[in-house]
Protein backbone atom coordinates (compact mmCIF):
# COMPACT_ATOMS: atom_id res chain seq x y z
CA UNK A 1 132.63 -25.70 151.52
CA UNK A 2 132.73 -23.20 148.63
CA UNK A 3 132.97 -23.91 144.96
CA UNK A 4 132.87 -21.95 141.67
CA UNK A 5 132.80 -18.17 142.26
CA UNK A 6 132.82 -18.60 146.05
CA UNK A 7 129.31 -20.07 146.22
CA UNK A 8 128.27 -22.45 148.99
CA UNK A 9 127.00 -25.94 148.09
CA UNK A 10 123.32 -25.11 148.73
CA UNK A 11 123.63 -21.98 146.58
CA UNK A 12 125.27 -23.92 143.78
CA UNK A 13 122.53 -26.51 143.79
CA UNK A 14 119.78 -23.91 143.29
CA UNK A 15 117.57 -24.38 140.19
CA UNK A 16 120.01 -22.35 138.07
CA UNK A 17 122.83 -24.83 138.82
CA UNK A 18 120.74 -28.01 138.39
CA UNK A 19 119.71 -29.86 135.26
CA UNK A 20 116.16 -29.66 133.89
CA UNK A 21 113.93 -31.75 131.67
CA UNK A 22 110.23 -31.88 130.73
CA UNK A 23 107.53 -33.05 133.10
CA UNK A 24 105.55 -34.82 130.37
CA UNK A 25 105.60 -35.63 126.68
CA UNK A 26 103.92 -33.29 124.20
CA UNK A 27 103.41 -33.75 120.45
CA UNK A 28 102.91 -31.38 117.47
CA UNK A 29 102.64 -31.58 113.72
CA UNK A 30 103.97 -29.18 111.11
CA UNK A 31 105.78 -28.93 107.78
CA UNK A 32 109.46 -28.63 106.99
CA UNK A 33 110.49 -25.23 105.67
CA UNK A 34 112.87 -26.62 103.01
CA UNK A 35 111.37 -30.07 102.34
CA UNK A 36 107.70 -29.06 102.51
CA UNK A 37 107.04 -32.45 104.12
CA UNK A 38 104.56 -33.00 106.94
CA UNK A 39 106.47 -33.86 110.12
CA UNK A 40 105.19 -35.30 113.41
CA UNK A 41 107.32 -34.26 116.35
CA UNK A 42 107.11 -35.23 120.02
CA UNK A 43 109.09 -33.77 122.90
CA UNK A 44 109.78 -36.24 125.73
CA UNK A 45 111.47 -36.09 129.16
CA UNK A 46 115.01 -37.47 129.43
CA UNK A 47 117.14 -38.43 132.47
CA UNK A 48 120.04 -36.37 133.83
CA UNK A 49 123.18 -36.18 131.66
CA UNK A 50 121.29 -37.42 128.57
CA UNK A 51 121.42 -34.03 126.83
CA UNK A 52 119.21 -33.13 123.90
CA UNK A 53 118.80 -36.02 121.46
CA UNK A 54 116.95 -36.02 118.13
CA UNK A 55 115.43 -39.40 117.34
CA UNK A 56 114.50 -40.20 113.74
CA UNK A 57 111.66 -42.66 114.43
CA UNK A 58 111.43 -43.50 110.69
CA UNK A 59 115.09 -44.59 110.75
CA UNK A 60 115.38 -45.78 114.34
CA UNK A 61 118.43 -43.56 114.76
CA UNK A 62 119.47 -41.11 117.55
CA UNK A 63 121.46 -37.99 116.84
CA UNK A 64 122.92 -36.05 119.80
CA UNK A 65 122.38 -32.29 119.48
CA UNK A 66 126.07 -31.33 119.63
CA UNK A 67 128.22 -28.89 117.67
CA UNK A 68 130.50 -31.59 116.31
CA UNK A 69 127.50 -33.41 114.83
CA UNK A 70 126.72 -30.46 112.59
CA UNK A 71 127.05 -31.52 108.94
CA UNK A 72 125.54 -28.56 107.03
CA UNK A 73 124.94 -24.88 107.74
CA UNK A 74 124.04 -23.49 104.31
CA UNK A 75 120.32 -22.79 104.76
CA UNK A 76 119.85 -24.00 108.35
CA UNK A 77 121.66 -25.99 110.93
CA UNK A 78 121.72 -29.71 110.13
CA UNK A 79 122.98 -32.41 112.49
CA UNK A 80 123.79 -35.92 111.41
CA UNK A 81 124.83 -39.40 112.49
CA UNK A 82 125.86 -41.57 109.61
CA UNK A 83 123.16 -41.41 106.95
CA UNK A 84 120.56 -39.99 109.37
CA UNK A 85 120.11 -36.21 109.42
CA UNK A 86 117.83 -33.62 111.01
CA UNK A 87 117.68 -30.07 109.64
CA UNK A 88 116.41 -26.75 110.92
CA UNK A 89 117.13 -27.59 114.53
CA UNK A 90 118.06 -24.04 115.59
CA UNK A 91 114.61 -22.70 116.53
CA UNK A 92 113.75 -25.64 118.76
CA UNK A 93 117.26 -25.62 120.26
CA UNK A 94 116.84 -21.94 121.08
CA UNK A 95 113.48 -22.59 122.78
CA UNK A 96 115.02 -25.41 124.88
CA UNK A 97 117.94 -23.20 125.84
CA UNK A 98 115.65 -20.28 126.58
CA UNK A 99 113.68 -22.46 128.97
CA UNK A 100 116.87 -23.79 130.60
CA UNK A 101 116.16 -27.38 129.53
CA UNK A 102 119.23 -29.60 129.42
CA UNK A 103 117.76 -33.02 128.70
CA UNK A 104 115.03 -34.04 126.26
CA UNK A 105 114.30 -36.56 123.51
CA UNK A 106 112.97 -35.02 120.27
CA UNK A 107 111.21 -37.68 118.26
CA UNK A 108 110.35 -36.89 114.62
CA UNK A 109 109.45 -38.95 111.59
CA UNK A 110 111.28 -36.94 108.95
CA UNK A 111 114.50 -35.11 108.09
CA UNK A 112 113.53 -31.65 109.32
CA UNK A 113 112.04 -30.00 112.42
CA UNK A 114 108.73 -28.35 111.47
CA UNK A 115 109.03 -24.63 110.86
CA UNK A 116 105.77 -23.81 112.66
CA UNK A 117 105.28 -20.04 112.32
CA UNK A 118 108.98 -19.34 111.65
CA UNK A 119 109.78 -18.40 115.23
CA UNK A 120 110.53 -20.23 118.47
CA UNK A 121 107.26 -19.12 120.15
CA UNK A 122 105.27 -22.27 119.27
CA UNK A 123 108.05 -24.44 120.75
CA UNK A 124 108.20 -22.27 123.87
CA UNK A 125 104.43 -22.71 124.22
CA UNK A 126 104.79 -26.48 123.93
CA UNK A 127 107.48 -26.52 126.61
CA UNK A 128 105.30 -24.48 128.95
CA UNK A 129 102.42 -26.91 128.39
CA UNK A 130 104.69 -29.91 129.09
CA UNK A 131 106.11 -28.30 132.23
CA UNK A 132 109.67 -28.31 133.53
CA UNK A 133 111.12 -30.81 136.01
CA UNK A 134 114.24 -30.06 138.01
CA UNK A 135 116.56 -33.06 138.22
CA UNK A 136 118.87 -34.06 141.07
CA UNK A 137 122.07 -33.46 139.13
CA UNK A 138 124.39 -30.48 138.68
CA UNK A 139 124.14 -28.53 135.45
CA UNK A 140 127.11 -28.96 133.13
CA UNK A 141 128.57 -25.45 132.82
CA UNK A 142 131.59 -24.03 130.99
CA UNK A 143 133.05 -20.63 131.76
CA UNK A 144 134.76 -18.61 129.04
CA UNK A 145 138.25 -17.70 130.26
CA UNK A 146 139.82 -16.18 127.11
CA UNK A 147 138.36 -14.48 124.05
CA UNK A 148 137.87 -16.74 121.05
CA UNK A 149 136.98 -15.14 117.73
CA UNK A 150 136.24 -16.38 114.22
CA UNK A 151 135.72 -14.30 111.10
CA UNK A 152 134.32 -14.45 107.62
CA UNK A 153 135.12 -11.22 105.77
CA UNK A 154 133.65 -8.46 107.90
CA UNK A 155 131.41 -10.88 109.74
CA UNK A 156 132.66 -12.20 113.08
CA UNK A 157 131.53 -14.12 116.14
CA UNK A 158 133.29 -14.10 119.47
CA UNK A 159 132.98 -15.59 122.95
CA UNK A 160 134.47 -13.52 125.78
CA UNK A 161 134.76 -13.83 129.54
CA UNK A 162 132.73 -11.42 131.62
CA UNK A 163 135.74 -9.40 132.67
CA UNK A 164 137.07 -8.92 129.13
CA UNK A 165 135.30 -5.64 128.37
CA UNK A 166 136.34 -2.32 130.03
CA UNK A 167 133.64 -0.70 132.13
CA UNK A 168 131.56 -3.87 132.47
CA UNK A 169 130.55 -5.34 135.83
CA UNK A 170 132.28 -8.46 137.06
CA UNK A 171 131.10 -11.90 136.21
CA UNK A 172 127.72 -12.97 137.62
CA UNK A 173 127.56 -15.62 140.34
CA UNK A 174 125.11 -17.83 138.40
CA UNK A 175 125.45 -19.37 134.94
CA UNK A 176 124.80 -16.49 132.56
CA UNK A 177 125.04 -15.88 128.81
CA UNK A 178 124.97 -12.34 127.45
CA UNK A 179 124.38 -11.95 123.70
CA UNK A 180 125.19 -8.91 121.61
CA UNK A 181 124.29 -9.24 117.92
CA UNK A 182 124.39 -6.79 114.98
CA UNK A 183 123.17 -7.26 111.42
CA UNK A 184 123.47 -5.13 108.28
CA UNK A 185 121.45 -5.66 105.09
CA UNK A 186 121.19 -3.47 102.00
CA UNK A 187 117.41 -3.72 102.05
CA UNK A 188 115.90 -0.58 103.55
CA UNK A 189 113.29 -2.64 105.33
CA UNK A 190 116.06 -4.28 107.40
CA UNK A 191 119.12 -2.03 107.35
CA UNK A 192 121.50 -2.12 110.32
CA UNK A 193 120.15 -3.29 113.65
CA UNK A 194 121.65 -4.44 116.92
CA UNK A 195 120.37 -6.15 120.04
CA UNK A 196 121.80 -7.03 123.46
CA UNK A 197 120.19 -9.56 125.71
CA UNK A 198 121.00 -11.35 128.99
CA UNK A 199 119.51 -14.79 128.57
CA UNK A 200 116.72 -15.72 130.97
CA UNK A 201 113.44 -17.60 130.40
CA UNK A 202 111.55 -14.31 130.75
CA UNK A 203 113.79 -12.33 128.39
CA UNK A 204 113.77 -15.08 125.83
CA UNK A 205 110.00 -15.57 125.85
CA UNK A 206 109.20 -11.84 125.53
CA UNK A 207 112.01 -10.39 123.44
CA UNK A 208 113.30 -13.24 121.25
CA UNK A 209 110.93 -16.20 120.86
CA UNK A 210 108.26 -14.41 118.70
CA UNK A 211 110.83 -13.22 116.09
CA UNK A 212 110.31 -15.02 112.77
CA UNK A 213 112.80 -16.13 110.17
CA UNK A 214 113.14 -13.77 107.24
CA UNK A 215 114.33 -13.59 103.69
CA UNK A 216 114.61 -11.29 100.69
CA UNK A 217 112.12 -11.83 97.89
CA UNK A 218 114.90 -12.28 95.33
CA UNK A 219 116.49 -14.99 97.44
CA UNK A 220 113.14 -16.75 98.03
CA UNK A 221 112.53 -16.85 94.29
CA UNK A 222 115.96 -18.39 93.71
CA UNK A 223 115.33 -21.05 96.38
CA UNK A 224 111.99 -21.94 94.82
CA UNK A 225 113.65 -22.24 91.40
CA UNK A 226 116.13 -24.69 92.99
CA UNK A 227 113.33 -26.77 94.47
CA UNK A 228 114.07 -25.54 98.00
CA UNK A 229 111.99 -23.69 100.63
CA UNK A 230 109.00 -25.78 99.50
CA UNK A 231 107.24 -25.23 102.83
CA UNK A 232 107.93 -21.50 103.04
CA UNK A 233 105.17 -18.93 102.93
CA UNK A 234 104.20 -15.60 104.42
CA UNK A 235 102.63 -17.66 107.24
CA UNK A 236 106.06 -18.82 108.49
CA UNK A 237 108.57 -16.21 107.29
CA UNK A 238 108.96 -12.44 106.95
CA UNK A 239 109.74 -11.57 103.33
CA UNK A 240 111.12 -8.15 102.31
CA UNK A 241 111.54 -6.50 98.95
CA UNK A 242 113.74 -3.46 99.20
CA UNK A 243 111.98 -1.14 101.62
CA UNK A 244 108.79 -3.17 101.93
CA UNK A 245 107.71 -5.93 104.24
CA UNK A 246 105.43 -8.12 102.17
CA UNK A 247 103.59 -9.84 105.04
CA UNK A 248 100.09 -8.39 105.34
CA UNK A 249 100.39 -8.08 109.12
CA UNK A 250 103.81 -6.43 109.00
CA UNK A 251 106.35 -7.06 111.75
CA UNK A 252 105.70 -8.41 115.24
CA UNK A 253 108.31 -6.11 116.76
CA UNK A 254 110.43 -3.25 115.54
CA UNK A 255 113.66 -5.23 115.84
CA UNK A 256 112.26 -8.56 114.60
CA UNK A 257 115.08 -9.10 112.11
CA UNK A 258 118.00 -8.82 114.55
CA UNK A 259 115.95 -10.62 117.25
CA UNK A 260 115.64 -13.60 114.92
CA UNK A 261 119.37 -13.58 114.24
CA UNK A 262 119.97 -13.57 117.98
CA UNK A 263 117.50 -16.48 118.26
CA UNK A 264 119.43 -18.40 115.60
CA UNK A 265 122.68 -17.75 117.46
CA UNK A 266 121.16 -19.04 120.67
CA UNK A 267 120.05 -22.25 119.01
CA UNK A 268 123.43 -22.82 117.47
CA UNK A 269 125.24 -22.06 120.72
CA UNK A 270 122.99 -24.55 122.51
CA UNK A 271 124.79 -27.25 120.49
CA UNK A 272 127.70 -26.78 122.90
CA UNK A 273 125.86 -29.34 125.02
CA UNK A 274 126.64 -27.34 128.18
CA UNK A 275 125.54 -24.02 129.66
CA UNK A 276 127.94 -21.29 128.60
CA UNK A 277 128.96 -18.67 131.13
CA UNK A 278 130.27 -15.64 129.24
CA UNK A 279 129.48 -13.20 126.46
CA UNK A 280 128.65 -13.85 122.79
CA UNK A 281 129.32 -10.90 120.51
CA UNK A 282 128.74 -11.07 116.76
CA UNK A 283 128.40 -8.96 113.66
CA UNK A 284 126.42 -10.45 110.79
CA UNK A 285 126.54 -13.96 112.23
CA UNK A 286 125.33 -17.09 110.44
CA UNK A 287 124.90 -20.74 111.35
CA UNK A 288 128.29 -21.68 109.93
CA UNK A 289 130.14 -18.93 111.81
CA UNK A 290 128.63 -19.78 115.15
CA UNK A 291 129.39 -23.47 114.70
CA UNK A 292 132.94 -22.58 113.70
CA UNK A 293 133.17 -20.56 116.93
CA UNK A 294 132.18 -23.48 119.12
CA UNK A 295 134.69 -25.74 117.37
CA UNK A 296 137.39 -23.10 117.92
CA UNK A 297 136.45 -22.69 121.59
CA UNK A 298 136.60 -26.36 122.52
CA UNK A 299 139.76 -26.87 120.51
CA UNK A 300 141.55 -24.34 122.76
CA UNK A 301 141.67 -25.88 126.23
CA UNK A 302 142.99 -22.72 127.90
CA UNK A 303 140.02 -20.67 126.68
CA UNK A 304 137.43 -22.38 128.90
CA UNK A 305 136.97 -24.18 132.22
CA UNK A 306 134.45 -26.71 133.43
CA UNK A 307 132.73 -25.08 136.43
CA UNK A 308 130.07 -27.75 136.86
CA UNK A 309 129.40 -27.85 140.63
CA UNK A 310 129.85 -31.02 142.63
CA UNK A 311 126.71 -32.80 143.83
CA UNK A 312 125.76 -31.83 147.36
CA UNK A 313 126.78 -35.23 148.77
CA UNK A 314 130.29 -34.88 147.31
CA UNK A 315 130.55 -31.24 148.41
CA UNK A 316 129.67 -32.14 151.99
CA UNK A 317 132.16 -35.02 152.20
């Protein structure tokens, strides 16, 4: 019996079509970028179909990591459930998505995920240390069938099916997300950059995870004056002033700025709660724009299809 894209049941239940979680729990401690508070965070395994859940241990509240739980996108992505909130979830969500992890409990004792070094690399390292377990359940997957686009001035974000671009190869036979991101800043140190990536654990770990969050010196000074970015420093962010990178060690990679924007987009897209099969294309994206895109996608039923494979037992019946 064949299923999505003509694949046989055994093919569809390969590791790329099955859900994953962690093999063991793993803790870490850091500070919140905006709050400056010390935060203890622990990543734990979760059963199939649980999804990613943030647990405020200080409030005894669970918050599902889903796009419709996003309550703020001004300085970072914040999810909330009632009065409970968790901010700066995007870097950890990107690391989970990059590793292909569908189910995990994220326990933390404060309102913000620790910033670590400003990238997703420390979280990727934690996930590697914890190990990955493949679960006996099909991975929830949505295929993009029609282009969906949202704009904000000259900024835009779009999800497209694989056959929507002339000259491109047909859609892959496994769940795949291609990302194409461009940024444009007046600062000479940043300028205009673009990056294209086909998401895989290897590509994410090498080309995206090490890219740090960044800001302009003038903006950082304004945030400090407002009592924000209390935990920010040159140890966890790249700061530019016109044509200069102020960090003593410089950049980790030539395209670090756009790589981090792609990282942010990955983390925000992971709040779909399912694996996305299609292309994400964006110019000057931000947290708010990507969240708006997911809301637009799932509000348009004809633009997507659930291609989650049946379990082997059901497929063989």
